[in-house]
Protein backbone atom coordinates (compact mmCIF):
# COMPACT_ATOMS: atom_id res chain seq x y z
CA MET A 1 126.32 112.01 100.07
CA GLN A 2 123.23 110.05 100.97
CA ILE A 3 121.24 110.15 104.19
CA LYS A 4 120.93 106.49 105.09
CA LEU A 5 119.29 106.92 108.52
CA LEU A 6 117.79 110.01 110.11
CA THR A 7 116.87 109.74 113.81
CA LEU A 8 114.62 112.42 115.28
CA GLN A 9 112.99 112.80 118.68
CA THR A 10 109.26 113.05 119.35
CA ASN A 11 106.99 113.16 122.39
CA LYS A 12 104.08 111.84 120.32
CA LEU A 13 105.36 108.43 119.29
CA GLU A 14 102.03 106.62 118.85
CA GLN A 15 100.39 109.52 116.96
CA MET A 16 103.43 109.72 114.69
CA LYS A 17 103.34 106.00 114.04
CA ARG A 18 99.70 106.18 112.98
CA PHE A 19 100.28 109.22 110.77
CA TYR A 20 103.24 107.81 108.87
CA THR A 21 102.18 104.17 108.57
CA ARG A 22 98.38 104.48 108.38
CA ASP A 23 97.72 107.91 106.86
CA LEU A 24 100.76 108.24 104.57
CA GLU A 25 101.22 104.45 104.21
CA PHE A 26 104.97 104.27 104.76
CA SER A 27 106.33 100.77 105.29
CA MET A 28 107.53 100.02 108.81
CA CYS A 29 111.15 98.81 108.94
CA ALA A 30 111.50 98.26 112.65
CA GLU A 31 109.64 98.96 115.86
CA GLY A 32 110.54 98.95 119.53
CA PRO A 33 109.02 100.21 122.79
CA ASN A 34 110.61 103.65 122.31
CA SER A 35 111.02 104.03 118.54
CA PHE A 36 109.95 103.04 115.05
CA GLN A 37 111.54 103.24 111.60
CA ILE A 38 109.96 103.77 108.18
CA GLN A 39 111.40 103.21 104.71
CA ALA A 40 111.72 106.38 102.62
CA GLY A 41 113.18 105.18 99.35
CA THR A 42 116.87 104.46 99.95
CA SER A 43 116.70 106.22 103.34
CA ILE A 44 115.28 105.22 106.71
CA LEU A 45 113.50 107.71 108.96
CA GLU A 46 113.40 106.89 112.67
CA PHE A 47 111.43 108.56 115.46
CA THR A 48 112.26 107.95 119.10
CA ASN A 49 110.89 109.18 122.41
CA GLU A 50 113.91 108.01 124.40
CA ASN A 51 115.21 110.82 126.64
CA VAL A 52 112.94 113.29 124.88
CA VAL A 53 112.61 116.71 126.50
CA GLY A 54 109.96 119.25 125.55
CA GLU A 55 108.28 119.19 122.14
CA PRO A 56 111.00 118.77 119.49
CA TYR A 57 110.30 119.60 115.86
CA TYR A 58 112.41 119.57 112.71
CA HIS A 59 112.31 120.35 109.01
CA PHE A 60 113.06 117.56 106.56
CA ALA A 61 112.27 116.81 102.92
CA PHE A 62 111.68 113.81 100.68
CA ASN A 63 112.87 113.68 97.07
CA ILE A 64 110.16 112.62 94.62
CA PRO A 65 110.41 111.83 90.88
CA ALA A 66 111.08 114.85 88.67
CA ASN A 67 107.91 114.30 86.61
CA GLN A 68 105.48 113.69 89.48
CA PHE A 69 105.21 116.92 91.46
CA GLN A 70 101.58 117.74 90.66
CA GLU A 71 100.55 114.09 91.07
CA ALA A 72 102.38 113.85 94.40
CA LYS A 73 100.90 117.14 95.57
CA ALA A 74 97.36 115.93 94.80
CA TRP A 75 98.13 112.62 96.55
CA LEU A 76 99.43 114.40 99.65
CA LYS A 77 96.50 116.82 99.67
CA GLY A 78 94.19 113.79 99.82
CA LYS A 79 96.01 112.56 102.94
CA THR A 80 96.51 115.73 104.98
CA THR A 81 96.33 119.53 104.83
CA LEU A 82 98.94 121.34 102.76
CA LEU A 83 100.70 124.30 104.30
CA LEU A 84 100.46 127.76 102.72
CA GLU A 85 102.98 130.53 102.11
CA ASP A 86 101.49 133.83 100.91
CA GLY A 87 98.28 131.96 100.04
CA GLU A 88 100.07 129.41 97.83
CA ASP A 89 100.28 125.68 98.54
CA GLU A 90 103.43 125.06 96.52
CA ALA A 91 106.89 126.58 96.13
CA ASP A 92 108.55 127.23 92.78
CA PHE A 93 112.31 127.15 93.28
CA SER A 94 113.31 128.34 89.83
CA PHE A 95 116.98 128.63 90.82
CA TRP A 96 117.34 124.85 91.42
CA PRO A 97 114.93 124.30 89.50
CA ALA A 98 112.34 122.45 91.61
CA HIS A 99 108.79 122.48 92.95
CA ALA A 100 107.83 121.56 96.51
CA CYS A 101 104.80 121.26 98.79
CA TYR A 102 104.63 121.02 102.57
CA CYS A 103 102.62 119.54 105.43
CA THR A 104 103.02 119.00 109.16
CA ASP A 105 102.88 115.77 111.13
CA PRO A 106 101.44 115.29 114.67
CA ALA A 107 104.71 116.45 116.25
CA GLY A 108 104.74 119.67 114.26
CA ASN A 109 107.58 118.72 111.94
CA ILE A 110 107.64 120.68 108.67
CA VAL A 111 107.63 117.94 106.02
CA GLU A 112 108.46 118.74 102.40
CA PHE A 113 107.98 116.79 99.17
CA ILE A 114 110.29 118.14 96.45
CA ALA A 115 110.78 117.35 92.75
CA ARG A 116 114.20 118.49 91.51
CA TYR A 117 113.98 118.62 87.73
CA HIS A 118 117.67 118.38 86.82
CA VAL A 119 118.61 115.80 89.46
CA ASN A 120 115.75 113.46 90.33
CA PRO A 121 114.88 110.62 87.94
CA ILE A 122 111.42 110.25 86.42
CA CYS A 123 108.93 107.51 87.21
CA GLU A 124 106.15 106.13 85.00
CA SER A 125 104.11 104.33 87.67
CA PRO A 126 101.28 106.22 89.45
CA PHE A 127 102.54 108.14 92.45
CA SER A 128 102.45 106.41 95.83
CA ILE A 129 104.57 106.55 98.94
CA ASN A 130 106.77 103.91 97.30
CA ASN A 131 107.84 106.49 94.70
CA ILE A 132 109.76 108.53 97.28
CA LEU A 133 113.42 108.42 96.31
CA ASN A 134 115.19 109.31 99.57
CA ILE A 135 115.48 111.86 102.33
CA SER A 136 116.45 115.00 100.45
CA GLU A 137 117.03 117.52 103.23
CA ILE A 138 117.36 117.79 106.98
CA GLY A 139 117.59 121.06 108.84
CA LEU A 140 120.63 121.08 111.12
CA VAL A 141 120.19 123.82 113.73
CA VAL A 142 123.28 124.65 115.78
CA GLN A 143 124.62 127.30 118.10
CA ASP A 144 127.53 128.32 115.85
CA ALA A 145 126.78 127.66 112.17
CA PRO A 146 130.05 129.08 110.76
CA ARG A 147 132.11 126.83 113.05
CA VAL A 148 130.02 123.76 112.23
CA GLY A 149 130.31 124.64 108.53
CA GLU A 150 134.10 124.47 108.80
CA ARG A 151 133.85 121.07 110.43
CA LEU A 152 131.57 119.82 107.65
CA LYS A 153 134.02 121.05 105.03
CA LYS A 154 136.68 118.82 106.57
CA ILE A 155 134.58 115.81 105.55
CA ASN A 156 133.97 117.27 102.06
CA ILE A 157 130.49 118.67 102.68
CA PHE A 158 130.43 122.21 101.29
CA GLU A 159 127.90 125.02 100.88
CA SER A 160 126.30 124.70 97.44
CA ASP A 161 126.19 128.43 96.61
CA HIS A 162 129.59 129.32 98.10
CA ASP A 163 128.07 132.18 100.12
CA PRO A 164 129.39 132.84 103.63
CA ILE A 165 127.84 130.66 106.34
CA THR A 166 126.17 132.71 109.06
CA ASN A 167 123.82 131.97 111.94
CA SER A 168 121.01 133.85 110.19
CA SER A 169 121.39 132.26 106.75
CA LEU A 170 120.26 128.86 105.48
CA SER A 171 123.26 127.10 103.95
CA PHE A 172 122.59 124.14 101.65
CA MET A 173 125.51 121.81 102.43
CA GLN A 174 126.24 118.95 100.05
CA GLU A 175 129.03 116.66 98.89
CA ILE A 176 127.97 116.16 95.27
CA GLU A 177 125.06 117.47 93.20
CA ASN A 178 122.58 114.68 93.85
CA GLY A 179 119.71 116.55 95.50
CA VAL A 180 120.65 115.64 99.09
CA PHE A 181 121.45 118.48 101.50
CA ILE A 182 122.11 119.29 105.12
CA LEU A 183 120.43 122.65 105.75
CA LEU A 184 122.76 124.40 108.18
CA THR A 185 121.42 127.33 110.19
CA GLY A 186 121.39 128.99 113.59
CA VAL A 187 118.53 129.53 115.99
CA GLY A 188 115.52 131.69 115.16
CA ARG A 189 115.24 131.49 111.36
CA ARG A 190 111.65 130.98 110.16
CA TRP A 191 111.06 127.77 108.26
CA LEU A 192 109.39 128.30 104.89
CA PHE A 193 105.65 127.43 104.88
CA SER A 194 105.56 127.65 108.68
CA GLU A 195 105.44 130.15 111.50
CA LYS A 196 107.92 128.02 113.44
CA THR A 197 111.53 129.11 113.73
CA SER A 198 114.64 126.97 113.78
CA ALA A 199 115.45 125.56 117.21
CA ILE A 200 118.03 123.12 118.51
CA PHE A 201 116.83 119.60 119.28
CA PRO A 202 118.78 116.32 119.49
CA MET A 203 119.11 114.45 116.20
CA GLU A 204 121.37 111.98 114.43
CA ILE A 205 122.20 111.78 110.71
CA THR A 206 123.88 108.63 109.39
CA LEU A 207 125.52 109.18 106.00
CA ASP A 208 126.64 106.64 103.45
CA LYS A 209 130.27 107.65 104.01
CA GLN A 210 130.52 105.86 107.38
CA THR A 211 129.85 109.14 109.15
CA VAL A 212 127.33 109.97 111.86
CA LEU A 213 126.69 113.58 112.75
CA GLY A 214 124.08 115.59 114.57
CA VAL A 215 123.24 117.33 117.84
CA ASN A 216 123.48 115.60 121.21
CA GLU A 217 121.31 116.04 124.30
CA GLU A 218 123.54 118.92 125.48
CA SER A 219 122.75 120.79 122.22
CA GLU A 220 126.31 120.26 121.01
CA PHE A 221 127.18 119.37 117.40
CA PHE A 222 129.15 116.15 116.84
CA ILE A 223 130.73 114.17 114.02
CA GLU A 224 131.76 110.53 114.38
CA ASN A 225 133.40 108.17 111.91
CA THR A 226 131.89 104.73 112.43
CA MET A 227 134.95 103.07 110.85
CA ILE A 228 137.13 104.19 113.75
């Protein structure tokens, strides 16, 4: 499974465009009156203000080379403020294993840079935004996580730890072990390195398997096969 295109809503389109293209130096793929797209390795991240309601925010992550966590962290710290958890500005996920650091963008999204040591390749060139590999994670917040989990399993996306899916848990859903996950959860779970809790906002995830899934404007989960 690869996330080819991730479309998220924002009510701060111009501020987001400046942050991602000027401050973080992402390359712009496309731009319209109500949206823009940036290249994130083999993935595309799109922000749109079309039909936006309220102040949507999400959690997503970028995969970075396995050998460049400290370099990437220093690079990011030079661009923006790193978020803290218990006074620390990085997370050590020994069970993956992986290290990650976090920041927020103008819309309040919780943005993660993560180096997965057994999955991500290494890179010898100095770290820059061009070293991002892909979109690694996207938090999928739904009303009924167990039911959505069963629907994901029907398209061969399973929980990585085989624990029961509940509305209060965070289930790492994946197809193969390649460091790309859909983080399935219900409403009200605190995002790591943030005081914000998971909330339902419209979003669209386009996978490499001709599948589009996400949450519509009625807060309902959907799956579509683009080959049909």
